[in-house]
Amino acid sequence: METKRLILRRWNENDAEALYKYAQNPNIGPIAGWPPHTSVEDSRNVIRNILSAPETYAVVLKETQEPIGSVGIMFGDSVHSADMQEGDAEIGYWIGVPYWGKGLIPEAVHRLLEHCFEDLGIKRVWCGYYDGNFKSRRVMDKCGFKFHHTEQGKPSPLGDVRTEHFTLLTIDEWKNKKACE
């Protein structure tokens, strides 16, 4: 999949060095619920075991051909929301710190939403963020997600307990937003 500035493609083990370059930063993983990567080999294992999931994509900057982040669609057991229904999915994303504030993740998420609604037949897409992750919430706002609910006392993958906020975008809301663009 492509956008004006990005290519969204499957991760491969050759991306381990680029992944480590950005995922080792402690400002990225912990706020999203995962630990910073500790080595290129750690990143390679993450590619093999996590980023190899279906519908998980490297966000590649066309200008440099380098993976600078990740976006993905999660289904079923991998989803965090308690209000999931048949035909729902959840999306997640992150991008390297040097690329924060450049509109790249909203660009990638817009393309991912198009894929969800037009290609995969998804009816509702969820997106969650932990308390304090205002940058992630801003991406959701830009992409048309609306606040749905908050869950307190949720265990995170890092072993702590957090407050998580959930947003939702339906296919009808997406079509209306797209018609106004």
Protein backbone atom coordinates (compact mmCIF):
# COMPACT_ATOMS: atom_id res chain seq x y z
CA MET A 1 0.00 0.00 0.00
CA GLU A 2 1.18 3.53 -0.66
CA THR A 3 0.45 7.12 0.29
CA LYS A 4 1.98 10.33 -1.00
CA ARG A 5 5.10 9.98 1.18
CA LEU A 6 4.96 6.41 2.47
CA ILE A 7 4.99 2.76 1.53
CA LEU A 8 3.23 0.35 3.90
CA ARG A 9 4.74 -3.09 3.42
CA ARG A 10 5.35 -6.30 5.33
CA TRP A 11 8.25 -6.34 7.77
CA ASN A 12 11.19 -8.60 6.96
CA GLU A 13 14.24 -9.62 8.97
CA ASN A 14 16.45 -7.29 6.93
CA ASP A 15 14.59 -4.42 8.64
CA ALA A 16 15.98 -5.34 12.08
CA GLU A 17 18.66 -2.63 12.12
CA ALA A 18 16.24 0.13 11.12
CA LEU A 19 13.67 -1.14 13.62
CA TYR A 20 16.24 -1.13 16.42
CA LYS A 21 17.37 2.39 15.47
CA TYR A 22 13.94 3.76 16.42
CA ALA A 23 12.46 1.14 18.79
CA GLN A 24 15.36 1.38 21.27
CA ASN A 25 14.20 4.88 22.22
CA PRO A 26 12.52 4.81 25.66
CA ASN A 27 10.11 7.56 24.53
CA ILE A 28 8.34 5.21 22.09
CA GLY A 29 7.62 1.72 23.41
CA PRO A 30 6.71 2.24 27.07
CA ILE A 31 3.99 4.82 26.35
CA ALA A 32 2.48 2.27 23.94
CA GLY A 33 2.92 -0.65 26.35
CA TRP A 34 6.05 -2.39 25.06
CA PRO A 35 9.67 -2.30 26.24
CA PRO A 36 12.41 -0.52 24.30
CA HIS A 37 14.37 -2.90 22.10
CA THR A 38 17.74 -3.88 23.56
CA SER A 39 19.65 -4.99 20.44
CA VAL A 40 19.36 -5.60 16.70
CA GLU A 41 18.77 -9.27 17.52
CA ASP A 42 15.93 -8.28 19.87
CA SER A 43 14.39 -6.30 17.00
CA ARG A 44 14.87 -9.28 14.67
CA ASN A 45 12.95 -11.46 17.16
CA VAL A 46 10.17 -8.87 17.37
CA ILE A 47 9.92 -8.96 13.56
CA ARG A 48 9.74 -12.77 13.62
CA ASN A 49 7.28 -13.11 16.51
CA ILE A 50 5.14 -9.96 16.56
CA LEU A 51 5.50 -7.85 13.44
CA SER A 52 5.04 -10.91 11.23
CA ALA A 53 1.33 -10.95 12.16
CA PRO A 54 -1.13 -10.55 9.29
CA GLU A 55 -1.97 -6.94 8.42
CA THR A 56 1.11 -5.54 10.21
CA TYR A 57 3.14 -3.14 8.12
CA ALA A 58 6.44 -1.30 8.20
CA VAL A 59 5.94 2.42 7.58
CA VAL A 60 8.62 3.14 4.98
CA LEU A 61 9.57 6.67 3.98
CA LYS A 62 9.62 6.76 0.16
CA GLU A 63 12.39 9.36 0.21
CA THR A 64 14.86 7.07 2.03
CA GLN A 65 13.27 3.59 1.65
CA GLU A 66 13.86 3.15 5.41
CA PRO A 67 11.27 1.72 7.83
CA ILE A 68 10.56 4.47 10.37
CA GLY A 69 7.56 3.04 12.22
CA SER A 70 4.78 0.49 12.16
CA VAL A 71 1.01 0.28 11.69
CA GLY A 72 -1.20 -2.73 12.04
CA ILE A 73 -4.71 -4.10 12.15
CA MET A 74 -5.55 -6.52 14.95
CA PHE A 75 -8.44 -8.94 15.05
CA GLY A 76 -10.01 -11.16 17.72
CA ASP A 77 -7.87 -12.15 20.70
CA SER A 78 -5.17 -9.59 19.98
CA VAL A 79 -7.58 -6.70 20.46
CA HIS A 80 -7.74 -4.75 23.68
CA SER A 81 -11.27 -3.35 23.68
CA ALA A 82 -13.97 -4.97 25.78
CA ASP A 83 -16.69 -3.75 23.42
CA MET A 84 -15.52 -5.59 20.29
CA GLN A 85 -18.16 -7.09 18.03
CA GLU A 86 -18.07 -9.34 14.98
CA GLY A 87 -16.72 -7.30 12.05
CA ASP A 88 -14.61 -5.02 14.29
CA ALA A 89 -10.85 -4.53 14.32
CA GLU A 90 -8.34 -2.43 16.22
CA ILE A 91 -5.44 -0.49 14.78
CA GLY A 92 -2.15 0.38 16.41
CA TYR A 93 0.82 2.45 15.33
CA TRP A 94 4.10 4.06 16.31
CA ILE A 95 6.78 6.10 14.56
CA GLY A 96 10.39 7.02 15.32
CA VAL A 97 10.91 10.20 17.35
CA PRO A 98 12.64 12.13 14.50
CA TYR A 99 9.38 11.84 12.53
CA TRP A 100 6.99 13.01 15.25
CA GLY A 101 4.84 15.99 14.29
CA LYS A 102 5.24 15.58 10.52
CA GLY A 103 1.79 14.08 9.83
CA LEU A 104 3.23 10.76 8.68
CA ILE A 105 1.31 8.48 11.04
CA PRO A 106 -2.06 10.12 10.28
CA GLU A 107 -1.20 9.63 6.60
CA ALA A 108 -0.45 5.94 7.19
CA VAL A 109 -3.54 5.45 9.38
CA HIS A 110 -5.79 7.04 6.73
CA ARG A 111 -4.49 4.48 4.22
CA LEU A 112 -4.94 1.65 6.74
CA LEU A 113 -8.53 2.75 7.39
CA GLU A 114 -9.23 2.73 3.67
CA HIS A 115 -7.89 -0.84 3.58
CA CYS A 116 -10.05 -1.83 6.58
CA PHE A 117 -13.30 -0.44 5.23
CA GLU A 118 -12.90 -0.94 1.48
CA ASP A 119 -10.85 -4.14 1.20
CA LEU A 120 -11.45 -6.09 4.42
CA GLY A 121 -15.12 -5.31 5.02
CA ILE A 122 -14.55 -4.08 8.57
CA LYS A 123 -17.56 -2.23 10.02
CA ARG A 124 -15.96 -0.56 13.05
CA VAL A 125 -12.33 0.23 13.85
CA TRP A 126 -11.14 0.78 17.42
CA CYS A 127 -8.02 2.58 18.53
CA GLY A 128 -6.81 2.87 22.12
CA TYR A 129 -4.23 4.92 23.95
CA TYR A 130 -2.87 4.94 27.47
CA ASP A 131 -3.44 7.92 29.73
CA GLY A 132 -0.92 10.65 28.94
CA ASN A 133 -0.19 9.60 25.35
CA PHE A 134 -1.52 12.83 23.87
CA LYS A 135 0.34 12.44 20.57
CA SER A 136 -1.46 9.17 19.89
CA ARG A 137 -4.82 10.74 20.78
CA ARG A 138 -4.07 13.58 18.35
CA VAL A 139 -3.55 11.05 15.53
CA MET A 140 -6.95 9.53 16.34
CA ASP A 141 -8.59 12.96 16.28
CA LYS A 142 -7.03 13.77 12.89
CA CYS A 143 -8.27 10.45 11.50
CA GLY A 144 -11.87 10.93 12.63
CA PHE A 145 -12.00 8.61 15.64
CA LYS A 146 -14.45 9.56 18.40
CA PHE A 147 -14.00 8.90 22.11
CA HIS A 148 -15.95 5.81 23.19
CA HIS A 149 -14.97 4.79 26.73
CA THR A 150 -12.22 4.59 29.35
CA GLU A 151 -11.08 1.48 31.21
CA GLN A 152 -9.18 1.96 34.46
CA GLY A 153 -6.94 -0.56 36.16
CA LYS A 154 -5.94 -2.36 32.96
CA PRO A 155 -2.76 -4.44 33.16
CA SER A 156 -0.32 -3.40 30.44
CA PRO A 157 2.11 -5.74 28.66
CA LEU A 158 4.86 -4.11 30.76
CA GLY A 159 3.32 -5.44 33.97
CA ASP A 160 1.98 -2.16 35.35
CA VAL A 161 -1.63 -1.06 35.66
CA ARG A 162 -2.88 1.79 33.47
CA THR A 163 -5.89 3.75 32.35
CA GLU A 164 -6.70 3.15 28.69
CA HIS A 165 -8.99 5.29 26.56
CA PHE A 166 -10.75 3.83 23.53
CA THR A 167 -11.88 5.60 20.39
CA LEU A 168 -14.03 4.25 17.59
CA LEU A 169 -14.61 4.99 13.91
CA THR A 170 -17.50 3.35 12.06
CA ILE A 171 -17.66 2.76 8.33
CA ASP A 172 -20.49 5.31 8.03
CA GLU A 173 -18.50 7.98 9.90
CA TRP A 174 -15.51 7.23 7.69
CA LYS A 175 -17.57 7.52 4.49
CA ASN A 176 -19.04 10.85 5.67
CA LYS A 177 -15.60 12.19 6.58
CA LYS A 178 -14.19 11.05 3.24
CA ALA A 179 -17.07 12.71 1.35
CA CYS A 180 -16.23 16.03 3.03
CA GLU A 181 -12.54 15.95 2.11
